[in-house]
Amino acid sequence: MASSSTKSAYWKGFRDGLPFTIVVGPFALLFGVIATEAGLNVYETMAFSIVVIAGAAQFTALQLMSENAPTIIVLASALAVNLRMAMYSASLTPYIGAAPLWKRAFAAYFTVDQSYALSIVQYETRPEMTVPDRLAYFFGVVTAICPNWYLFTLIGALVGQSIPPEFAIDFAVPITFLAMIGPMLRTPAHIAAAFVSVALSIAFAWVPYNLGLMVAGIGGMITGAQVELWTERRAAK
């Protein structure tokens, strides 16, 4: 039976995740619409969202598929966009790595931008949390967000082109990422990585199949790691 602290952590995670439903809904709705417009049927669209459950990678793959890009380019680009999930996992491991394997497997599946961003901030500000409490918080966030991702993907796939263009639901994509990234720019390494990745994505916008995003992502990660190394060396001195 769950302890009171675990229940409290779960419901706090749920409450913290609720604001993201405002943008996750339109984001998922947009994917459902675009996927069906690109030729996927409802079942294929839902399978895409359930299996991949990574909005940025899904949009990247879908865009490249609509441009008839080679399969290897589609796969490589989607994997490159999702490389951040590997970093998320490494960052979460010190906090929930002691959990049973099956719980970690579920956490790995549900590690998305929102669940990571909220959880890592909570874990860092409350180091006294136990592993069960941390997992409860994580899954509380997930409960508020992921079912809505599935539901609105389905709605988007069903309504397809019947949504009037003046609604402009594509606003949800940049707002979602701004809401997640903004609070995390707390150190020089984070800021430098963000600045370099933006600059490189603009500079390499001409590269076919949006491969400039891969260059930008790699450049941002290298910059962030190097700045963090310099910061640690300076602090040591």
Protein backbone atom coordinates (compact mmCIF):
# COMPACT_ATOMS: atom_id res chain seq x y z
CA MET A 1 0.00 0.00 0.00
CA ALA A 2 1.36 3.38 -1.02
CA SER A 3 2.56 5.66 1.76
CA SER A 4 1.08 9.11 2.25
CA SER A 5 4.29 10.73 0.99
CA THR A 6 4.17 8.63 -2.20
CA LYS A 7 0.54 9.59 -2.80
CA SER A 8 1.37 13.21 -2.14
CA ALA A 9 4.27 13.07 -4.60
CA TYR A 10 2.05 11.47 -7.24
CA TRP A 11 -0.65 14.13 -6.99
CA LYS A 12 1.93 16.92 -6.94
CA GLY A 13 3.36 15.52 -10.17
CA PHE A 14 -0.14 15.35 -11.63
CA ARG A 15 -0.83 18.98 -10.70
CA ASP A 16 2.53 20.14 -12.02
CA GLY A 17 1.91 18.34 -15.31
CA LEU A 18 -1.60 19.71 -15.86
CA PRO A 19 -0.55 23.10 -17.35
CA PHE A 20 1.27 21.27 -20.14
CA THR A 21 -2.01 19.75 -21.34
CA ILE A 22 -2.88 23.19 -22.72
CA VAL A 23 -0.16 22.82 -25.34
CA VAL A 24 0.17 19.03 -25.54
CA GLY A 25 -3.43 18.74 -26.76
CA PRO A 26 -3.02 21.03 -29.80
CA PHE A 27 0.47 19.56 -30.42
CA ALA A 28 -0.95 16.03 -30.62
CA LEU A 29 -3.99 17.23 -32.56
CA LEU A 30 -1.69 18.82 -35.12
CA PHE A 31 0.30 15.61 -35.48
CA GLY A 32 -2.86 13.59 -36.06
CA VAL A 33 -4.02 16.02 -38.72
CA ILE A 34 -0.67 16.20 -40.52
CA ALA A 35 -0.16 12.43 -40.36
CA THR A 36 -3.48 11.71 -42.07
CA GLU A 37 -2.81 14.45 -44.61
CA ALA A 38 0.52 12.76 -45.35
CA GLY A 39 -1.30 9.52 -46.20
CA LEU A 40 -1.28 7.57 -42.94
CA ASN A 41 -4.56 6.03 -41.83
CA VAL A 42 -5.92 6.32 -38.30
CA TYR A 43 -4.40 3.04 -37.13
CA GLU A 44 -0.96 3.89 -38.54
CA THR A 45 -1.12 7.35 -36.97
CA MET A 46 -2.01 5.97 -33.56
CA ALA A 47 0.67 3.27 -33.79
CA PHE A 48 3.17 5.99 -34.66
CA SER A 49 2.24 8.03 -31.56
CA ILE A 50 2.02 5.08 -29.17
CA VAL A 51 5.25 3.39 -30.23
CA VAL A 52 7.41 6.49 -30.68
CA ILE A 53 5.73 8.86 -28.18
CA ALA A 54 8.15 11.66 -29.06
CA GLY A 55 6.50 14.61 -30.75
CA ALA A 56 9.61 16.29 -32.19
CA ALA A 57 10.91 13.04 -33.68
CA GLN A 58 7.45 12.19 -35.06
CA PHE A 59 7.14 15.55 -36.80
CA THR A 60 10.68 15.25 -38.15
CA ALA A 61 10.07 11.78 -39.56
CA LEU A 62 6.69 12.78 -40.99
CA GLN A 63 8.12 15.84 -42.71
CA LEU A 64 10.91 13.82 -44.29
CA MET A 65 8.49 11.07 -45.34
CA SER A 66 6.28 13.66 -47.06
CA GLU A 67 9.39 14.89 -48.92
CA ASN A 68 10.13 11.31 -50.04
CA ALA A 69 13.46 11.34 -48.25
CA PRO A 70 15.43 8.06 -48.20
CA THR A 71 14.44 5.75 -45.37
CA ILE A 72 17.92 5.89 -43.86
CA ILE A 73 17.67 9.70 -43.68
CA VAL A 74 14.26 9.48 -42.00
CA LEU A 75 15.53 7.02 -39.39
CA ALA A 76 18.80 8.85 -38.76
CA SER A 77 17.07 12.21 -38.37
CA ALA A 78 14.44 10.86 -36.00
CA LEU A 79 17.12 9.15 -33.92
CA ALA A 80 19.22 12.31 -33.88
CA VAL A 81 16.29 14.37 -32.63
CA ASN A 82 15.69 11.77 -29.94
CA LEU A 83 19.29 11.63 -28.77
CA ARG A 84 18.24 14.00 -26.01
CA MET A 85 16.32 11.08 -24.48
CA ALA A 86 19.62 9.31 -23.84
CA MET A 87 20.83 12.38 -21.97
CA TYR A 88 17.54 12.56 -20.08
CA SER A 89 17.95 8.93 -19.02
CA ALA A 90 21.52 9.47 -17.86
CA SER A 91 20.40 12.50 -15.87
CA LEU A 92 17.54 10.61 -14.19
CA THR A 93 19.55 7.48 -13.35
CA PRO A 94 21.10 8.81 -10.11
CA TYR A 95 17.59 9.54 -8.81
CA ILE A 96 15.55 6.51 -9.91
CA GLY A 97 18.21 4.01 -10.99
CA ALA A 98 17.67 1.94 -7.84
CA ALA A 99 14.05 1.20 -8.75
CA PRO A 100 13.04 -2.32 -9.92
CA LEU A 101 13.72 -3.07 -13.59
CA TRP A 102 10.06 -3.16 -14.63
CA LYS A 103 9.44 0.28 -13.11
CA ARG A 104 12.51 1.66 -14.84
CA ALA A 105 11.25 0.17 -18.10
CA PHE A 106 7.94 2.03 -17.76
CA ALA A 107 9.81 5.19 -16.80
CA ALA A 108 12.01 4.82 -19.89
CA TYR A 109 8.97 4.53 -22.14
CA PHE A 110 7.29 7.56 -20.58
CA THR A 111 10.41 9.72 -20.50
CA VAL A 112 9.32 12.66 -22.61
CA ASP A 113 10.35 16.30 -22.51
CA GLN A 114 7.70 17.32 -19.99
CA SER A 115 8.12 14.38 -17.60
CA TYR A 116 11.89 14.86 -17.59
CA ALA A 117 11.86 18.65 -17.24
CA LEU A 118 9.46 18.67 -14.30
CA SER A 119 10.95 15.63 -12.57
CA ILE A 120 14.59 16.68 -12.70
CA VAL A 121 13.76 20.09 -11.23
CA GLN A 122 11.74 18.42 -8.46
CA TYR A 123 14.52 15.93 -7.68
CA GLU A 124 17.20 18.61 -7.57
CA THR A 125 15.20 20.92 -5.31
CA ARG A 126 14.05 18.10 -3.01
CA PRO A 127 17.00 15.71 -2.55
CA GLU A 128 15.31 14.15 0.49
CA MET A 129 12.72 12.38 -1.70
CA THR A 130 12.87 8.58 -1.64
CA VAL A 131 13.04 6.53 -4.85
CA PRO A 132 9.33 5.51 -4.58
CA ASP A 133 8.40 9.16 -4.08
CA ARG A 134 10.45 10.19 -7.10
CA LEU A 135 8.81 7.56 -9.26
CA ALA A 136 5.38 8.55 -7.97
CA TYR A 137 6.04 12.17 -8.93
CA PHE A 138 7.30 11.11 -12.37
CA PHE A 139 4.24 8.99 -13.08
CA GLY A 140 1.96 11.71 -11.74
CA VAL A 141 3.32 14.03 -14.43
CA VAL A 142 2.91 11.29 -17.01
CA THR A 143 -0.72 10.68 -16.02
CA ALA A 144 -1.54 14.31 -16.71
CA ILE A 145 0.23 14.42 -20.08
CA CYS A 146 0.50 11.14 -21.99
CA PRO A 147 -3.18 10.08 -22.13
CA ASN A 148 -3.92 13.49 -23.64
CA TRP A 149 -1.22 12.90 -26.23
CA TYR A 150 -2.92 9.68 -27.33
CA LEU A 151 -6.43 11.11 -27.17
CA PHE A 152 -5.75 14.26 -29.17
CA THR A 153 -3.67 12.35 -31.71
CA LEU A 154 -6.74 10.20 -32.29
CA ILE A 155 -9.01 13.24 -32.57
CA GLY A 156 -6.63 14.87 -35.05
CA ALA A 157 -6.44 11.70 -37.12
CA LEU A 158 -10.24 11.40 -37.19
CA VAL A 159 -11.04 15.01 -38.08
CA GLY A 160 -8.14 15.37 -40.52
CA GLN A 161 -8.56 18.28 -42.89
CA SER A 162 -11.86 19.46 -41.40
CA ILE A 163 -10.02 21.83 -39.01
CA PRO A 164 -10.18 25.36 -40.52
CA PRO A 165 -6.70 26.78 -41.23
CA GLU A 166 -7.50 29.98 -39.32
CA PHE A 167 -7.33 28.06 -36.04
CA ALA A 168 -3.54 27.76 -36.55
CA ILE A 169 -3.05 25.00 -33.99
CA ASP A 170 0.61 24.74 -34.97
CA PHE A 171 1.27 27.42 -32.33
CA ALA A 172 1.48 24.61 -29.79
CA VAL A 173 4.79 23.28 -31.11
CA PRO A 174 7.09 26.24 -30.32
CA ILE A 175 5.18 27.14 -27.15
CA THR A 176 5.65 23.63 -25.76
CA PHE A 177 9.41 23.68 -26.21
CA LEU A 178 9.80 27.26 -24.98
CA ALA A 179 7.87 26.39 -21.82
CA MET A 180 10.15 23.43 -21.16
CA ILE A 181 13.49 24.94 -22.12
CA GLY A 182 13.12 28.39 -20.53
CA PRO A 183 13.20 27.30 -16.86
CA MET A 184 16.13 24.96 -17.53
CA LEU A 185 18.52 27.68 -18.78
CA ARG A 186 20.04 28.10 -15.33
CA THR A 187 23.78 27.73 -15.99
CA PRO A 188 26.29 29.14 -18.51
CA ALA A 189 26.55 25.66 -20.05
CA HIS A 190 22.80 25.50 -20.71
CA ILE A 191 22.74 29.01 -22.16
CA ALA A 192 25.78 28.43 -24.36
CA ALA A 193 24.37 25.14 -25.68
CA ALA A 194 21.04 26.80 -26.50
CA PHE A 195 22.70 29.78 -28.21
CA VAL A 196 25.04 27.64 -30.34
CA SER A 197 22.30 25.19 -31.36
CA VAL A 198 20.03 28.05 -32.46
CA ALA A 199 22.85 29.75 -34.38
CA LEU A 200 23.86 26.52 -36.11
CA SER A 201 20.29 25.57 -36.99
CA ILE A 202 19.91 28.93 -38.75
CA ALA A 203 23.31 28.74 -40.43
CA PHE A 204 22.66 25.22 -41.74
CA ALA A 205 19.02 25.70 -42.67
CA TRP A 206 20.00 25.22 -46.31
CA VAL A 207 21.09 21.59 -45.79
CA PRO A 208 18.65 19.15 -47.49
CA TYR A 209 16.20 17.04 -45.47
CA ASN A 210 16.59 19.30 -42.40
CA LEU A 211 19.92 17.63 -41.63
CA GLY A 212 21.11 21.00 -40.37
CA LEU A 213 19.21 20.22 -37.18
CA MET A 214 21.53 17.28 -36.56
CA VAL A 215 24.54 19.56 -36.92
CA ALA A 216 22.93 22.07 -34.56
CA GLY A 217 22.11 19.43 -31.97
CA ILE A 218 25.61 17.96 -31.97
CA GLY A 219 27.19 21.42 -31.85
CA GLY A 220 24.98 22.44 -28.94
CA MET A 221 25.82 19.32 -26.95
CA ILE A 222 29.58 19.74 -27.54
CA THR A 223 29.41 23.39 -26.54
CA GLY A 224 27.42 22.70 -23.38
CA ALA A 225 29.80 19.93 -22.31
CA GLN A 226 32.87 22.08 -22.97
CA VAL A 227 31.50 25.10 -21.07
CA GLU A 228 30.58 22.87 -18.13
CA LEU A 229 34.11 21.43 -18.15
CA TRP A 230 35.63 24.90 -18.15
CA THR A 231 33.31 25.97 -15.32
CA GLU A 232 34.28 22.96 -13.19
CA ARG A 233 38.01 23.56 -13.78
CA ARG A 234 37.66 27.22 -12.83
CA ALA A 235 35.75 26.27 -9.67
CA ALA A 236 38.44 23.73 -8.76
CA LYS A 237 41.13 26.38 -9.00
